[in-house]
Amino acid sequence: VASLAIDGNLDQTWAGRSVTHTSGDEQDLDPWWALRLDEETEVEHIRILNRSDPCCGHRLSNAILDVFNSDGDVIYTRNLGTADDVEDVYLGG
């Protein structure tokens, strides 16, 4: 359930009922997740909380973060590299 990723619950374990994930199918080599804001908003900081379960944290390694403008153009992109428990991305503003 994608809404669990933005529910305000900072628990990073599956048991905490506040994490989301893609299908988990090892054949899915291009999983993705997106958040669309309801209105144009200046974004200065993105915090990504990775799962802290022993099984799954590595899945976020080399994830690509793309930020789009209201026209759908990529205005920022970054490979997150090795998965950390918390990834803070500062965009300025």
N, C-alpha and C. Protein backbone atom coordinates (compact mmCIF):
# COMPACT_ATOMS: atom_id res chain seq x y z
N VAL A 1 0.85 -1.18 0.00
CA VAL A 1 0.00 0.00 0.00
C VAL A 1 0.89 1.24 0.00
N ALA A 2 0.89 1.97 -1.07
CA ALA A 2 1.77 3.12 -1.23
C ALA A 2 1.56 4.20 -0.18
N SER A 3 0.33 4.36 0.29
CA SER A 3 0.05 5.43 1.26
C SER A 3 0.80 5.23 2.57
N LEU A 4 1.24 4.01 2.86
CA LEU A 4 2.01 3.77 4.09
C LEU A 4 3.35 4.50 4.06
N ALA A 5 3.85 4.83 2.88
CA ALA A 5 5.14 5.51 2.77
C ALA A 5 5.07 6.96 3.23
N ILE A 6 3.88 7.51 3.30
CA ILE A 6 3.75 8.93 3.66
C ILE A 6 2.74 9.13 4.78
N ASP A 7 2.62 8.14 5.67
CA ASP A 7 1.59 8.18 6.71
C ASP A 7 2.03 8.85 8.00
N GLY A 8 3.29 9.29 8.07
CA GLY A 8 3.78 9.95 9.28
C GLY A 8 4.36 8.99 10.30
N ASN A 9 4.14 7.71 10.14
CA ASN A 9 4.69 6.69 11.04
C ASN A 9 6.13 6.43 10.59
N LEU A 10 7.10 6.66 11.47
CA LEU A 10 8.51 6.55 11.11
C LEU A 10 9.11 5.17 11.38
N ASP A 11 8.28 4.22 11.81
CA ASP A 11 8.77 2.86 12.04
C ASP A 11 9.23 2.29 10.70
N GLN A 12 10.43 1.72 10.68
CA GLN A 12 11.02 1.25 9.43
C GLN A 12 10.97 -0.27 9.28
N THR A 13 10.12 -0.93 10.06
CA THR A 13 10.01 -2.38 9.97
C THR A 13 8.63 -2.77 9.44
N TRP A 14 8.60 -3.93 8.79
CA TRP A 14 7.33 -4.45 8.29
C TRP A 14 6.34 -4.64 9.43
N ALA A 15 6.83 -5.10 10.57
CA ALA A 15 5.96 -5.33 11.73
C ALA A 15 5.35 -4.03 12.24
N GLY A 16 6.01 -2.89 12.00
CA GLY A 16 5.49 -1.60 12.42
C GLY A 16 4.37 -1.08 11.54
N ARG A 17 4.04 -1.83 10.50
CA ARG A 17 2.92 -1.53 9.60
C ARG A 17 2.98 -0.15 8.97
N SER A 18 4.20 0.29 8.66
CA SER A 18 4.30 1.60 8.02
C SER A 18 5.38 1.61 6.94
N VAL A 19 5.55 0.51 6.26
CA VAL A 19 6.49 0.49 5.15
C VAL A 19 5.75 0.01 3.91
N THR A 20 6.28 0.36 2.78
CA THR A 20 5.71 -0.08 1.52
C THR A 20 6.82 -0.71 0.71
N HIS A 21 6.47 -1.43 -0.30
CA HIS A 21 7.49 -2.04 -1.16
C HIS A 21 6.87 -2.36 -2.50
N THR A 22 7.74 -2.63 -3.46
CA THR A 22 7.27 -3.07 -4.76
C THR A 22 6.92 -4.55 -4.65
N SER A 23 6.71 -5.20 -5.76
CA SER A 23 6.23 -6.58 -5.74
C SER A 23 7.16 -7.54 -5.02
N GLY A 24 8.44 -7.22 -4.96
CA GLY A 24 9.40 -8.12 -4.33
C GLY A 24 9.82 -9.24 -5.26
N ASP A 25 9.25 -9.25 -6.44
CA ASP A 25 9.58 -10.26 -7.44
C ASP A 25 10.98 -9.99 -7.98
N GLU A 26 11.89 -10.93 -7.79
CA GLU A 26 13.27 -10.75 -8.23
C GLU A 26 13.35 -10.58 -9.74
N GLN A 27 12.30 -10.95 -10.45
CA GLN A 27 12.28 -10.77 -11.90
C GLN A 27 11.95 -9.34 -12.30
N ASP A 28 11.40 -8.58 -11.37
CA ASP A 28 11.05 -7.18 -11.63
C ASP A 28 12.31 -6.34 -11.47
N LEU A 29 13.00 -6.09 -12.57
CA LEU A 29 14.28 -5.39 -12.52
C LEU A 29 14.14 -3.88 -12.57
N ASP A 30 12.92 -3.38 -12.68
CA ASP A 30 12.72 -1.94 -12.76
C ASP A 30 11.55 -1.51 -11.88
N PRO A 31 11.58 -1.83 -10.59
CA PRO A 31 10.49 -1.41 -9.72
C PRO A 31 10.53 0.10 -9.50
N TRP A 32 9.39 0.69 -9.21
CA TRP A 32 9.35 2.14 -8.99
C TRP A 32 8.22 2.47 -8.02
N TRP A 33 8.32 3.66 -7.49
CA TRP A 33 7.31 4.20 -6.59
C TRP A 33 7.27 5.69 -6.85
N ALA A 34 6.10 6.30 -6.86
CA ALA A 34 5.99 7.72 -7.18
C ALA A 34 5.06 8.42 -6.19
N LEU A 35 5.35 9.68 -5.95
CA LEU A 35 4.49 10.54 -5.15
C LEU A 35 4.17 11.76 -6.00
N ARG A 36 2.91 12.02 -6.20
CA ARG A 36 2.49 13.19 -6.95
C ARG A 36 1.84 14.17 -5.98
N LEU A 37 2.36 15.39 -5.95
CA LEU A 37 1.79 16.41 -5.07
C LEU A 37 0.54 16.99 -5.72
N ASP A 38 -0.44 17.37 -4.92
CA ASP A 38 -1.71 17.88 -5.45
C ASP A 38 -1.58 19.25 -6.08
N GLU A 39 -0.58 19.99 -5.67
CA GLU A 39 -0.39 21.33 -6.23
C GLU A 39 1.10 21.60 -6.36
N GLU A 40 1.46 22.58 -7.18
CA GLU A 40 2.86 22.92 -7.36
C GLU A 40 3.44 23.39 -6.03
N THR A 41 4.54 22.79 -5.63
CA THR A 41 5.15 23.04 -4.33
C THR A 41 6.65 23.07 -4.47
N GLU A 42 7.31 24.02 -3.82
CA GLU A 42 8.77 24.04 -3.82
C GLU A 42 9.26 22.99 -2.82
N VAL A 43 10.08 22.08 -3.29
CA VAL A 43 10.60 21.00 -2.46
C VAL A 43 12.07 21.30 -2.18
N GLU A 44 12.42 21.40 -0.91
CA GLU A 44 13.80 21.69 -0.52
C GLU A 44 14.52 20.48 0.03
N HIS A 45 13.78 19.50 0.53
CA HIS A 45 14.38 18.38 1.25
C HIS A 45 13.50 17.15 1.07
N ILE A 46 14.14 16.03 0.79
CA ILE A 46 13.44 14.75 0.71
C ILE A 46 14.14 13.80 1.67
N ARG A 47 13.38 13.15 2.52
CA ARG A 47 13.94 12.16 3.44
C ARG A 47 13.34 10.80 3.08
N ILE A 48 14.22 9.87 2.81
CA ILE A 48 13.81 8.52 2.46
C ILE A 48 14.20 7.61 3.62
N LEU A 49 13.23 6.95 4.21
CA LEU A 49 13.46 6.01 5.29
C LEU A 49 13.41 4.61 4.70
N ASN A 50 14.53 3.93 4.73
CA ASN A 50 14.63 2.59 4.19
C ASN A 50 14.11 1.58 5.22
N ARG A 51 13.69 0.43 4.74
CA ARG A 51 13.30 -0.64 5.66
C ARG A 51 14.51 -1.07 6.48
N SER A 52 14.31 -1.29 7.75
CA SER A 52 15.41 -1.71 8.62
C SER A 52 15.33 -3.20 8.97
N ASP A 53 14.37 -3.92 8.38
CA ASP A 53 14.32 -5.36 8.56
C ASP A 53 15.61 -5.96 7.99
N PRO A 54 16.14 -7.02 8.60
CA PRO A 54 17.38 -7.63 8.10
C PRO A 54 17.27 -8.14 6.66
N CYS A 55 16.06 -8.43 6.22
CA CYS A 55 15.87 -9.04 4.90
C CYS A 55 15.97 -8.07 3.73
N CYS A 56 15.69 -6.82 3.93
CA CYS A 56 15.26 -6.05 2.77
C CYS A 56 15.96 -4.73 2.51
N GLY A 57 16.74 -4.23 3.43
CA GLY A 57 17.32 -2.91 3.26
C GLY A 57 18.17 -2.76 2.02
N HIS A 58 18.81 -3.83 1.60
CA HIS A 58 19.67 -3.77 0.42
C HIS A 58 18.90 -3.47 -0.86
N ARG A 59 17.61 -3.72 -0.87
CA ARG A 59 16.81 -3.53 -2.09
C ARG A 59 16.81 -2.08 -2.57
N LEU A 60 17.08 -1.15 -1.67
CA LEU A 60 17.09 0.25 -2.07
C LEU A 60 18.45 0.71 -2.60
N SER A 61 19.43 -0.18 -2.60
CA SER A 61 20.75 0.17 -3.13
C SER A 61 20.63 0.56 -4.61
N ASN A 62 21.30 1.65 -4.94
CA ASN A 62 21.33 2.18 -6.30
C ASN A 62 19.96 2.61 -6.82
N ALA A 63 19.06 2.92 -5.90
CA ALA A 63 17.78 3.49 -6.33
C ALA A 63 18.04 4.85 -6.96
N ILE A 64 17.22 5.19 -7.91
CA ILE A 64 17.32 6.48 -8.59
C ILE A 64 16.19 7.37 -8.09
N LEU A 65 16.56 8.55 -7.59
CA LEU A 65 15.58 9.55 -7.18
C LEU A 65 15.46 10.56 -8.32
N ASP A 66 14.28 10.70 -8.87
CA ASP A 66 13.99 11.71 -9.90
C ASP A 66 12.95 12.67 -9.35
N VAL A 67 13.18 13.95 -9.54
CA VAL A 67 12.22 14.99 -9.17
C VAL A 67 11.79 15.66 -10.47
N PHE A 68 10.48 15.78 -10.63
CA PHE A 68 9.92 16.35 -11.85
C PHE A 68 9.25 17.68 -11.56
N ASN A 69 9.23 18.56 -12.55
CA ASN A 69 8.47 19.80 -12.40
C ASN A 69 7.03 19.55 -12.84
N SER A 70 6.21 20.57 -12.81
CA SER A 70 4.79 20.40 -13.12
C SER A 70 4.54 20.05 -14.59
N ASP A 71 5.55 20.24 -15.45
CA ASP A 71 5.43 19.86 -16.86
C ASP A 71 5.85 18.41 -17.10
N GLY A 72 6.33 17.74 -16.06
CA GLY A 72 6.76 16.37 -16.20
C GLY A 72 8.21 16.21 -16.61
N ASP A 73 8.98 17.31 -16.58
CA ASP A 73 10.40 17.26 -16.93
C ASP A 73 11.23 16.96 -15.69
N VAL A 74 12.25 16.11 -15.84
CA VAL A 74 13.14 15.82 -14.73
C VAL A 74 13.99 17.06 -14.45
N ILE A 75 13.96 17.52 -13.19
CA ILE A 75 14.76 18.69 -12.82
C ILE A 75 15.86 18.33 -11.84
N TYR A 76 15.84 17.10 -11.34
CA TYR A 76 16.88 16.63 -10.43
C TYR A 76 16.89 15.12 -10.51
N THR A 77 18.08 14.53 -10.54
CA THR A 77 18.20 13.08 -10.51
C THR A 77 19.43 12.70 -9.71
N ARG A 78 19.33 11.60 -8.99
CA ARG A 78 20.46 11.16 -8.18
C ARG A 78 20.36 9.67 -7.94
N ASN A 79 21.48 8.98 -8.11
CA ASN A 79 21.59 7.58 -7.70
C ASN A 79 21.89 7.59 -6.22
N LEU A 80 21.10 6.91 -5.42
CA LEU A 80 21.27 6.94 -3.97
C LEU A 80 22.42 6.06 -3.49
N GLY A 81 23.01 5.27 -4.37
CA GLY A 81 24.16 4.45 -3.99
C GLY A 81 23.78 3.36 -3.00
N THR A 82 24.72 3.02 -2.14
CA THR A 82 24.49 1.98 -1.13
C THR A 82 23.35 2.42 -0.21
N ALA A 83 22.43 1.51 0.01
CA ALA A 83 21.25 1.82 0.81
C ALA A 83 21.64 2.12 2.26
N ASP A 84 21.16 3.25 2.76
CA ASP A 84 21.31 3.63 4.16
C ASP A 84 19.95 3.52 4.83
N ASP A 85 19.94 3.50 6.17
CA ASP A 85 18.66 3.47 6.89
C ASP A 85 17.85 4.73 6.61
N VAL A 86 18.54 5.87 6.56
CA VAL A 86 17.89 7.15 6.28
C VAL A 86 18.74 7.88 5.23
N GLU A 87 18.07 8.38 4.21
CA GLU A 87 18.76 9.14 3.17
C GLU A 87 18.13 10.53 3.11
N ASP A 88 18.92 11.56 3.40
CA ASP A 88 18.43 12.93 3.29
C ASP A 88 18.99 13.54 2.02
N VAL A 89 18.12 14.11 1.21
CA VAL A 89 18.51 14.76 -0.03
C VAL A 89 18.06 16.21 0.06
N TYR A 90 19.04 17.10 0.00
CA TYR A 90 18.76 18.54 0.08
C TYR A 90 18.83 19.12 -1.33
N LEU A 91 17.76 19.76 -1.73
CA LEU A 91 17.64 20.28 -3.09
C LEU A 91 17.90 21.78 -3.16
N GLY A 92 18.05 22.43 -2.03
CA GLY A 92 18.20 23.90 -2.03
C GLY A 92 16.84 24.55 -2.06
N GLY A 93 16.85 25.82 -2.40
CA GLY A 93 15.55 26.49 -2.49
C GLY A 93 15.56 27.85 -1.87
